[in-house]
Amino acid sequence: MQREKAKVGFISVTCPTHIEAKTETGIDWVNNESVNNAVNVVKNMDFDVVQFNKIVDSVEDSFEAADLMIKEDVDCVIIFITTWNWAAQIMQAVRKIGKPVILWAIPMPLAWNIGGLAVTHGSFDEVGYKHLTVYGSVDEEDVLKRIKSYIKACYVKNILSKSTYGSIGGQGMGIHTGIIDANQWMEEFGILVSFTDQYAVVVEAEKIDRDKVTEYHNLLKSEYGQVPPLNDVTERSIRLYLGLEVIIKREKYDFTGVKCTFDLSDNYCSACLAQSRLSSRGYVTACLNDSNGALTMYILRLLTKEPLFMADVNFIQKKEKIIRLIDDGSASINLAKNPKEVKLDFQPTLEAKASGVCTGLICKPGRVTLARFQRVLGYYQMQIVTGEAIEADPKLVYECGYPMWPHAFIKLNGNIDAFIQNLRSEYIHMTYGELKDELLAVCDVLGIESVAS
């Protein structure tokens, strides 16, 4: 189980000549109140803070601080520049910690700390230490926003390096943009990719007691506005969900992709209900075993608890900058304004010869962020765009020919032509809230290009 809060190390630094010294006007060089204020403001961001309770003024102190940060497995370290400091005192310790760093100095003329900030920043650049440089007070909103976004990005990076992706089945529908190099994921992100055959899910599905299937069908009826009767198709859909849960728990998969079409969907049932139910409880799973889509959503999940939507870009009204997103039926129930508006129906047999149960809803209005992890000539980039999920005439769901599927209507910010140029998959991934700054910070920390429309 991955922890849900970022953990931040906090190390205050000065130099030997300032640790207990006073200026010519009789004021302490080191302002302890500024240290306490900085620590408290980070705690108020709802992060766990691991503070080294001594102001570092020597190499020996810095190694002691490094040992604490390693022991606590912090996601990143704030090095708080209290005065002019000697970068040489912390260089080896930062290398030992091996995590991204935020260099922060609060404007104070008595401290001369802008010099310490600059020389440390330059020294880190000399040797390639990943870091963010911040000069600003604890009451500057833009400063705190940058710090917060960077900490969350560092948390994402650290969690990725401890995560296992479950690739269930092979390539879906010839989608090359969902195929990955497992070794590249390990090298760049530290993610372990493991593989499970779809037949293993069917085997587990068929082991489920009939009583459990009936019980789960009754649960669905209590949550949704419409649920199909418990016939063979509905039973297989429920079994597939329960079987997937067994696989995920047994293999300890932190997130998954499931091929489904056309193996499961033609020979057992579609995975739509199963993936909808997983998504509804906050678990990330991607349709068509689109691994890059799964990684996009996993990063979004680490940044927010809002529901996620993996959908095809069905139609774009360029002049109005409105895009229509439609999913084959695996959307989370939490995307709707009211769960009782959500309808479960049978999957069309053109898409799935064995049918299955799919989810039908219209996504609720609100500010949204859309993103997509993608590669160009083997190098990763992330497309990022913001917008507004809007109310639309419910009759519009008939225009695509599949009114039983989940829809979202999004008015985009930014340049619509740039959005189209940067769209390198039929899929885009949506969540509620403004996450552009956090995603840009994730790109920075992971060392990948950001493509913001």
Protein backbone atom coordinates (compact mmCIF):
# COMPACT_ATOMS: atom_id res chain seq x y z
CA MET A 1 0.00 0.00 0.00
CA GLN A 2 1.55 3.28 -1.11
CA ARG A 3 1.44 6.16 1.35
CA GLU A 4 -0.96 8.93 0.38
CA LYS A 5 0.92 11.96 1.73
CA ALA A 6 4.13 13.52 0.52
CA LYS A 7 7.00 13.46 2.98
CA VAL A 8 9.35 16.44 2.91
CA GLY A 9 12.78 16.74 4.47
CA PHE A 10 13.73 20.13 5.91
CA ILE A 11 17.37 21.06 6.46
CA SER A 12 18.43 24.56 7.50
CA VAL A 13 21.95 25.60 6.54
CA THR A 14 24.42 28.33 7.39
CA CYS A 15 28.22 28.46 7.60
CA PRO A 16 30.63 28.12 10.58
CA THR A 17 31.25 31.83 10.89
CA HIS A 18 27.54 32.64 11.23
CA ILE A 19 26.09 29.86 13.38
CA GLU A 20 26.35 31.81 16.66
CA ALA A 21 27.59 35.16 15.39
CA LYS A 22 25.96 38.57 15.46
CA THR A 23 26.09 41.38 12.93
CA GLU A 24 27.84 44.67 13.72
CA THR A 25 24.44 45.97 14.85
CA GLY A 26 24.16 43.19 17.45
CA ILE A 27 21.50 41.06 15.71
CA ASP A 28 21.86 37.28 15.30
CA TRP A 29 22.95 36.24 11.82
CA VAL A 30 20.65 33.20 11.94
CA ASN A 31 17.00 34.10 12.35
CA ASN A 32 15.41 31.07 14.04
CA GLU A 33 11.93 32.54 13.72
CA SER A 34 12.22 32.47 9.93
CA VAL A 35 13.14 28.77 10.11
CA ASN A 36 10.11 27.97 12.27
CA ASN A 37 7.80 29.97 10.02
CA ALA A 38 9.03 28.12 6.93
CA VAL A 39 8.60 24.71 8.57
CA ASN A 40 5.09 25.56 9.71
CA VAL A 41 3.95 26.81 6.32
CA VAL A 42 5.08 23.55 4.72
CA LYS A 43 3.25 21.54 7.39
CA ASN A 44 0.13 23.59 6.68
CA MET A 45 0.30 22.38 3.06
CA ASP A 46 -0.72 18.99 4.49
CA PHE A 47 2.65 17.33 4.00
CA ASP A 48 4.57 15.25 6.51
CA VAL A 49 7.72 17.18 7.42
CA VAL A 50 10.92 15.54 8.63
CA GLN A 51 13.04 18.32 10.13
CA PHE A 52 16.70 17.97 11.01
CA ASN A 53 16.63 19.79 14.32
CA LYS A 54 19.97 21.50 14.03
CA ILE A 55 21.17 24.19 11.68
CA VAL A 56 23.82 22.61 9.48
CA ASP A 57 27.16 24.43 9.48
CA SER A 58 29.58 21.61 8.65
CA VAL A 59 30.04 18.61 6.37
CA GLU A 60 29.62 16.33 9.38
CA ASP A 61 26.25 17.86 10.22
CA SER A 62 25.12 17.55 6.61
CA PHE A 63 25.86 13.82 6.56
CA GLU A 64 23.94 13.36 9.80
CA ALA A 65 21.00 15.18 8.20
CA ALA A 66 21.32 13.04 5.07
CA ASP A 67 21.13 9.84 7.11
CA LEU A 68 17.86 11.01 8.66
CA MET A 69 16.36 11.85 5.25
CA ILE A 70 17.33 8.46 3.84
CA LYS A 71 15.96 6.64 6.86
CA GLU A 72 12.64 8.49 6.57
CA ASP A 73 12.48 7.97 2.77
CA VAL A 74 11.51 11.58 2.08
CA ASP A 75 10.26 12.49 -1.39
CA CYS A 76 12.36 15.63 -1.57
CA VAL A 77 14.40 17.93 0.67
CA ILE A 78 13.99 21.62 1.33
CA ILE A 79 17.38 23.18 1.98
CA PHE A 80 16.54 26.40 3.75
CA ILE A 81 19.29 28.98 3.28
CA THR A 82 19.35 30.97 6.53
CA THR A 83 22.43 33.09 5.73
CA TRP A 84 25.30 33.23 3.32
CA ASN A 85 26.42 29.61 3.29
CA TRP A 86 29.13 27.41 1.87
CA ALA A 87 27.75 25.12 -0.83
CA ALA A 88 30.68 22.74 -0.30
CA GLN A 89 29.28 21.78 3.10
CA ILE A 90 26.18 20.10 1.65
CA MET A 91 27.19 18.88 -1.83
CA GLN A 92 28.13 15.34 -0.81
CA ALA A 93 25.16 15.01 1.52
CA VAL A 94 22.70 15.98 -1.21
CA ARG A 95 24.32 13.45 -3.53
CA LYS A 96 23.95 10.80 -0.84
CA ILE A 97 20.25 11.58 -0.28
CA GLY A 98 19.61 11.22 -4.01
CA LYS A 99 16.28 13.05 -4.03
CA PRO A 100 15.23 16.34 -5.67
CA VAL A 101 15.91 19.48 -3.66
CA ILE A 102 14.15 22.79 -3.13
CA LEU A 103 16.61 25.60 -2.37
CA TRP A 104 14.68 28.26 -0.49
CA ALA A 105 15.73 31.60 0.92
CA ILE A 106 13.48 34.20 2.52
CA PRO A 107 14.38 37.81 1.62
CA MET A 108 16.25 39.26 4.60
CA PRO A 109 18.95 41.91 4.08
CA LEU A 110 20.59 41.06 7.40
CA ALA A 111 21.07 37.44 6.33
CA TRP A 112 22.78 38.05 2.98
CA ASN A 113 21.18 34.74 2.00
CA ILE A 114 20.47 35.53 -1.65
CA GLY A 115 24.21 35.04 -2.17
CA GLY A 116 24.11 31.68 -0.43
CA LEU A 117 21.07 30.70 -2.49
CA ALA A 118 22.72 31.70 -5.76
CA VAL A 119 26.04 29.99 -5.12
CA THR A 120 24.32 26.78 -4.01
CA HIS A 121 22.03 26.90 -7.05
CA GLY A 122 25.04 27.37 -9.32
CA SER A 123 27.00 24.62 -7.59
CA PHE A 124 24.10 22.17 -8.01
CA ASP A 125 23.89 23.05 -11.71
CA GLU A 126 27.62 22.42 -12.05
CA VAL A 127 27.14 18.77 -11.07
CA GLY A 128 23.59 18.17 -12.31
CA TYR A 129 21.61 17.93 -9.06
CA LYS A 130 17.89 18.19 -9.74
CA HIS A 131 16.51 21.16 -7.80
CA LEU A 132 14.10 24.09 -7.68
CA THR A 133 15.36 27.54 -6.62
CA VAL A 134 12.94 29.76 -4.70
CA TYR A 135 13.45 33.24 -3.25
CA GLY A 136 10.40 34.52 -1.42
CA SER A 137 8.56 34.94 1.87
CA VAL A 138 6.15 32.58 3.61
CA ASP A 139 3.22 34.86 2.76
CA GLU A 140 3.88 35.05 -1.01
CA GLU A 141 1.18 32.95 -2.64
CA ASP A 142 3.07 32.29 -5.87
CA VAL A 143 6.14 31.17 -3.93
CA LEU A 144 4.17 28.71 -1.83
CA LYS A 145 2.34 27.42 -4.91
CA ARG A 146 5.65 26.65 -6.64
CA ILE A 147 6.94 24.87 -3.55
CA LYS A 148 3.74 22.88 -3.13
CA SER A 149 3.60 21.81 -6.79
CA TYR A 150 7.22 20.72 -6.72
CA ILE A 151 6.79 18.69 -3.53
CA LYS A 152 3.79 16.89 -5.01
CA ALA A 153 5.79 16.18 -8.17
CA CYS A 154 8.64 14.74 -6.10
CA TYR A 155 6.13 12.56 -4.27
CA VAL A 156 4.90 11.26 -7.64
CA LYS A 157 8.45 10.47 -8.70
CA ASN A 158 9.23 8.59 -5.49
CA ILE A 159 6.01 6.57 -5.57
CA LEU A 160 6.52 5.66 -9.24
CA SER A 161 9.91 4.20 -8.33
CA LYS A 162 8.18 1.79 -5.92
CA SER A 163 5.22 0.86 -8.14
CA THR A 164 4.35 -2.23 -10.16
CA TYR A 165 2.29 -2.06 -13.33
CA GLY A 166 0.20 -5.08 -14.27
CA SER A 167 0.03 -5.55 -18.04
CA ILE A 168 -2.94 -7.89 -18.51
CA GLY A 169 -3.08 -9.18 -22.06
CA GLY A 170 -1.23 -7.92 -25.11
CA GLN A 171 -1.61 -4.98 -27.46
CA GLY A 172 -5.18 -3.79 -27.95
CA MET A 173 -6.60 -2.91 -31.38
CA GLY A 174 -3.21 -2.15 -32.93
CA ILE A 175 -2.65 0.89 -30.72
CA HIS A 176 1.10 1.55 -30.95
CA THR A 177 0.78 4.60 -28.71
CA GLY A 178 -0.09 2.32 -25.80
CA ILE A 179 2.88 -0.01 -26.23
CA ILE A 180 5.83 0.54 -23.90
CA ASP A 181 9.36 -0.68 -23.33
CA ALA A 182 9.31 -2.21 -19.85
CA ASN A 183 13.03 -1.60 -19.44
CA GLN A 184 12.59 2.07 -20.34
CA TRP A 185 9.97 2.39 -17.60
CA MET A 186 12.38 0.84 -15.12
CA GLU A 187 15.26 3.05 -16.24
CA GLU A 188 13.38 6.34 -16.43
CA PHE A 189 10.69 6.00 -13.75
CA GLY A 190 11.69 2.99 -11.64
CA ILE A 191 8.39 1.24 -12.44
CA LEU A 192 8.39 -2.55 -12.50
CA VAL A 193 6.24 -3.95 -15.32
CA SER A 194 4.77 -7.43 -14.77
CA PHE A 195 2.60 -9.48 -17.12
CA THR A 196 -0.54 -11.54 -16.65
CA ASP A 197 -2.43 -13.41 -19.35
CA GLN A 198 -6.12 -12.54 -19.74
CA TYR A 199 -7.00 -16.21 -19.36
CA ALA A 200 -5.76 -16.08 -15.77
CA VAL A 201 -8.49 -13.50 -15.06
CA VAL A 202 -11.14 -15.77 -16.59
CA VAL A 203 -9.92 -18.69 -14.46
CA GLU A 204 -10.25 -16.60 -11.30
CA ALA A 205 -13.62 -15.25 -12.46
CA GLU A 206 -15.04 -18.75 -12.83
CA LYS A 207 -13.95 -19.67 -9.29
CA ILE A 208 -16.25 -17.04 -7.74
CA ASP A 209 -19.20 -18.48 -5.83
CA ARG A 210 -22.59 -17.85 -7.37
CA ASP A 211 -23.79 -16.40 -4.05
CA LYS A 212 -21.08 -13.71 -4.28
CA VAL A 213 -22.23 -12.83 -7.78
CA THR A 214 -25.83 -12.47 -6.63
CA GLU A 215 -24.75 -10.40 -3.64
CA TYR A 216 -22.74 -8.09 -5.86
CA HIS A 217 -25.63 -7.71 -8.31
CA ASN A 218 -27.81 -6.56 -5.42
CA LEU A 219 -25.11 -4.04 -4.46
CA LEU A 220 -25.14 -2.65 -8.00
CA LYS A 221 -28.92 -2.27 -7.89
CA SER A 222 -28.60 -0.20 -4.72
CA GLU A 223 -26.10 2.20 -6.31
CA TYR A 224 -27.20 2.73 -9.93
CA GLY A 225 -30.31 4.11 -11.53
CA GLN A 226 -30.56 1.12 -13.89
CA VAL A 227 -29.04 -2.37 -13.68
CA PRO A 228 -29.68 -5.18 -16.18
CA PRO A 229 -31.08 -8.49 -14.92
CA LEU A 230 -28.71 -11.16 -13.68
CA ASN A 231 -28.46 -13.19 -16.84
CA ASP A 232 -25.34 -14.93 -18.21
CA VAL A 233 -23.84 -11.69 -19.59
CA THR A 234 -24.32 -9.76 -16.34
CA GLU A 235 -22.97 -12.69 -14.32
CA ARG A 236 -19.79 -12.91 -16.41
CA SER A 237 -19.28 -9.14 -16.11
CA ILE A 238 -19.50 -9.34 -12.32
CA ARG A 239 -17.27 -12.41 -12.22
CA LEU A 240 -14.67 -10.64 -14.34
CA TYR A 241 -14.55 -7.75 -11.88
CA LEU A 242 -14.21 -10.03 -8.87
CA GLY A 243 -11.59 -12.10 -10.71
CA LEU A 244 -9.57 -8.98 -11.55
CA GLU A 245 -9.63 -7.98 -7.90
CA VAL A 246 -8.11 -11.37 -7.03
CA ILE A 247 -5.33 -10.93 -9.63
CA ILE A 248 -4.55 -7.36 -8.52
CA LYS A 249 -4.33 -8.33 -4.86
CA ARG A 250 -2.32 -11.50 -5.49
CA GLU A 251 0.18 -9.86 -7.85
CA LYS A 252 0.33 -6.63 -5.82
CA TYR A 253 -0.33 -4.50 -8.90
CA ASP A 254 -0.44 -0.78 -8.11
CA PHE A 255 -2.11 -0.02 -11.46
CA THR A 256 -3.04 -2.05 -14.51
CA GLY A 257 -4.08 -2.14 -18.13
CA VAL A 258 -6.43 -4.79 -19.55
CA LYS A 259 -6.47 -5.63 -23.26
CA CYS A 260 -10.11 -6.85 -23.35
CA THR A 261 -10.92 -6.10 -27.02
CA PHE A 262 -11.26 -8.46 -28.72
CA ASP A 263 -10.11 -11.48 -26.69
CA LEU A 264 -12.20 -11.08 -23.55
CA SER A 265 -14.92 -9.08 -25.26
CA ASP A 266 -15.49 -11.70 -27.98
CA ASN A 267 -15.05 -14.85 -25.90
CA TYR A 268 -16.07 -14.09 -22.31
CA CYS A 269 -17.34 -10.54 -21.81
CA SER A 270 -16.09 -6.97 -22.06
CA ALA A 271 -14.08 -5.61 -19.13
CA CYS A 272 -16.07 -2.37 -18.96
CA LEU A 273 -18.01 -3.06 -15.78
CA ALA A 274 -14.90 -4.47 -14.11
CA GLN A 275 -12.78 -1.45 -14.98
CA SER A 276 -15.58 0.94 -14.08
CA ARG A 277 -15.89 -0.59 -10.64
CA LEU A 278 -12.12 -0.49 -10.13
CA SER A 279 -12.04 3.15 -11.18
CA SER A 280 -14.99 3.95 -8.93
CA ARG A 281 -13.00 2.84 -5.90
CA GLY A 282 -10.02 4.95 -6.99
CA TYR A 283 -7.93 2.22 -8.60
CA VAL A 284 -6.26 3.02 -11.94
CA THR A 285 -6.82 0.62 -14.82
CA ALA A 286 -6.58 1.43 -18.53
CA CYS A 287 -8.67 0.13 -21.41
CA LEU A 288 -7.01 -1.82 -24.25
CA ASN A 289 -3.92 -2.29 -22.09
CA ASP A 290 -2.93 1.25 -23.04
CA SER A 291 0.10 1.40 -20.78
CA ASN A 292 0.93 5.05 -21.44
CA GLY A 293 -2.68 5.90 -20.65
CA ALA A 294 -2.44 3.92 -17.42
CA LEU A 295 0.70 5.81 -16.42
CA THR A 296 -0.98 9.15 -17.18
CA MET A 297 -3.92 8.27 -14.95
CA TYR A 298 -1.70 6.85 -12.21
CA ILE A 299 0.17 10.16 -12.03
CA LEU A 300 -3.15 12.02 -11.93
CA ARG A 301 -4.37 9.69 -9.18
CA LEU A 302 -1.25 10.46 -7.10
CA LEU A 303 -1.99 14.17 -7.45
CA THR A 304 -5.74 14.14 -6.79
CA LYS A 305 -8.54 12.01 -5.39
CA GLU A 306 -11.02 13.34 -7.98
CA PRO A 307 -12.46 10.76 -10.42
CA LEU A 308 -10.59 10.02 -13.64
CA PHE A 309 -11.99 9.63 -17.14
CA MET A 310 -10.18 7.74 -19.91
CA ALA A 311 -11.99 8.50 -23.14
CA ASP A 312 -11.74 8.77 -26.90
CA VAL A 313 -11.73 12.23 -28.39
CA ASN A 314 -14.89 11.69 -30.45
CA PHE A 315 -15.55 15.09 -31.98
CA ILE A 316 -14.15 18.64 -31.92
CA GLN A 317 -16.08 21.84 -32.55
CA LYS A 318 -13.06 23.94 -33.50
CA LYS A 319 -14.73 27.35 -33.53
CA GLU A 320 -16.31 26.86 -30.09
CA LYS A 321 -13.23 24.96 -28.77
CA ILE A 322 -15.50 22.20 -27.46
CA ILE A 323 -14.37 18.59 -27.49
CA ARG A 324 -16.60 15.59 -26.97
CA LEU A 325 -15.12 12.69 -25.00
CA ILE A 326 -16.72 9.24 -25.11
CA ASP A 327 -15.66 6.05 -23.38
CA ASP A 328 -16.78 2.51 -24.28
CA GLY A 329 -18.40 2.03 -20.89
CA SER A 330 -15.69 1.79 -18.22
CA ALA A 331 -16.15 5.21 -16.60
CA SER A 332 -16.30 5.71 -12.83
CA ILE A 333 -19.74 6.25 -11.32
CA ASN A 334 -18.20 9.23 -9.48
CA LEU A 335 -18.01 11.24 -12.71
CA ALA A 336 -21.77 11.74 -12.70
CA LYS A 337 -23.58 14.46 -10.75
CA ASN A 338 -25.74 11.79 -9.14
CA PRO A 339 -24.98 8.02 -9.08
CA LYS A 340 -28.67 7.34 -9.55
CA GLU A 341 -28.42 8.97 -12.98
CA VAL A 342 -25.90 6.32 -14.04
CA LYS A 343 -27.26 3.42 -16.07
CA LEU A 344 -25.75 0.00 -16.60
CA ASP A 345 -26.64 -1.57 -19.94
CA PHE A 346 -25.50 -4.38 -22.22
CA GLN A 347 -22.50 -3.76 -24.43
CA PRO A 348 -23.30 -3.70 -28.18
CA THR A 349 -22.19 -6.94 -29.81
CA LEU A 350 -20.56 -5.08 -32.70
CA GLU A 351 -17.92 -3.98 -30.19
CA ALA A 352 -18.01 -7.13 -28.12
CA LYS A 353 -19.43 -10.35 -29.57
CA ALA A 354 -19.82 -11.78 -26.06
CA SER A 355 -21.33 -8.48 -24.91
CA GLY A 356 -20.87 -7.42 -21.28
CA VAL A 357 -22.17 -4.69 -19.02
CA CYS A 358 -21.19 -1.08 -19.73
CA THR A 359 -21.67 2.17 -17.83
CA GLY A 360 -23.67 5.11 -19.19
CA LEU A 361 -23.41 8.67 -17.82
CA ILE A 362 -22.69 12.31 -18.62
CA CYS A 363 -19.77 13.82 -16.72
CA LYS A 364 -20.67 16.52 -14.22
CA PRO A 365 -19.66 20.15 -14.87
CA GLY A 366 -16.52 21.67 -13.36
CA ARG A 367 -12.96 22.77 -13.98
CA VAL A 368 -10.91 19.97 -15.53
CA THR A 369 -7.36 19.08 -16.47
CA LEU A 370 -6.60 16.75 -19.37
CA ALA A 371 -3.27 15.01 -19.93
CA ARG A 372 -1.59 12.29 -21.95
CA PHE A 373 1.82 10.62 -21.59
CA GLN A 374 3.24 9.91 -25.04
CA ARG A 375 6.50 9.26 -26.89
CA VAL A 376 8.12 10.88 -29.90
CA LEU A 377 11.09 8.90 -31.26
CA GLY A 378 11.35 7.10 -27.95
CA TYR A 379 11.38 10.23 -25.77
CA TYR A 380 8.51 10.84 -23.39
CA GLN A 381 6.47 14.00 -23.28
CA MET A 382 3.19 14.95 -21.61
CA GLN A 383 0.37 16.82 -23.28
CA ILE A 384 -1.39 19.07 -20.76
CA VAL A 385 -4.52 21.15 -21.29
CA THR A 386 -7.16 22.69 -19.04
CA GLY A 387 -10.81 23.47 -19.59
CA GLU A 388 -14.34 23.28 -18.28
CA ALA A 389 -16.71 20.32 -18.32
CA ILE A 390 -20.01 21.86 -19.37
CA GLU A 391 -23.68 20.98 -19.33
CA ALA A 392 -24.96 19.85 -22.72
CA ASP A 393 -28.24 18.77 -24.28
CA PRO A 394 -28.66 15.09 -23.30
CA LYS A 395 -29.88 14.39 -26.83
CA LEU A 396 -26.33 14.94 -28.08
CA VAL A 397 -25.34 11.50 -26.79
CA TYR A 398 -27.21 10.01 -29.75
CA GLU A 399 -24.99 11.71 -32.32
CA CYS A 400 -22.11 9.23 -31.98
CA GLY A 401 -24.40 6.22 -32.42
CA TYR A 402 -23.76 4.86 -28.92
CA PRO A 403 -25.94 6.74 -26.45
CA MET A 404 -25.40 4.10 -23.76
CA TRP A 405 -21.74 5.09 -23.30
CA PRO A 406 -20.21 7.75 -20.98
CA HIS A 407 -19.88 11.25 -22.44
CA ALA A 408 -18.13 14.46 -21.42
CA PHE A 409 -18.39 17.87 -23.11
CA ILE A 410 -15.30 20.01 -22.52
CA LYS A 411 -14.69 23.65 -23.44
CA LEU A 412 -10.95 23.88 -23.76
CA ASN A 413 -8.61 26.68 -22.79
CA GLY A 414 -5.70 27.48 -25.06
CA ASN A 415 -5.22 26.97 -28.77
CA ILE A 416 -7.46 24.30 -30.29
CA ASP A 417 -5.14 23.71 -33.26
CA ALA A 418 -2.22 23.18 -30.90
CA PHE A 419 -4.34 20.69 -28.96
CA ILE A 420 -5.04 18.73 -32.13
CA GLN A 421 -1.38 18.82 -33.20
CA ASN A 422 -0.29 17.52 -29.81
CA LEU A 423 -2.95 14.79 -29.67
CA ARG A 424 -1.08 11.56 -30.38
CA SER A 425 -3.66 9.02 -29.30
CA GLU A 426 -7.38 8.55 -29.63
CA TYR A 427 -7.37 8.68 -25.83
CA ILE A 428 -7.08 11.63 -23.48
CA HIS A 429 -7.30 11.47 -19.68
CA MET A 430 -9.39 13.86 -17.61
CA THR A 431 -9.81 14.72 -13.98
CA TYR A 432 -11.44 17.57 -12.08
CA GLY A 433 -9.46 20.53 -10.77
CA GLU A 434 -6.53 22.69 -11.91
CA LEU A 435 -3.47 20.45 -12.04
CA LYS A 436 -1.44 22.13 -14.77
CA ASP A 437 1.22 23.49 -12.40
CA GLU A 438 1.59 20.12 -10.68
CA LEU A 439 1.89 18.29 -14.01
CA LEU A 440 4.47 20.76 -15.29
CA ALA A 441 6.45 20.15 -12.09
CA VAL A 442 6.12 16.37 -12.61
CA CYS A 443 7.57 16.76 -16.10
CA ASP A 444 10.45 18.80 -14.69
CA VAL A 445 11.21 16.31 -11.94
CA LEU A 446 10.97 13.31 -14.30
CA GLY A 447 13.06 15.08 -16.92
CA ILE A 448 10.52 14.91 -19.73
CA GLU A 449 9.12 17.50 -22.11
CA SER A 450 5.81 19.18 -21.34
CA VAL A 451 3.49 20.12 -24.20
CA ALA A 452 0.87 22.53 -22.89
CA SER A 453 -1.87 23.71 -25.25
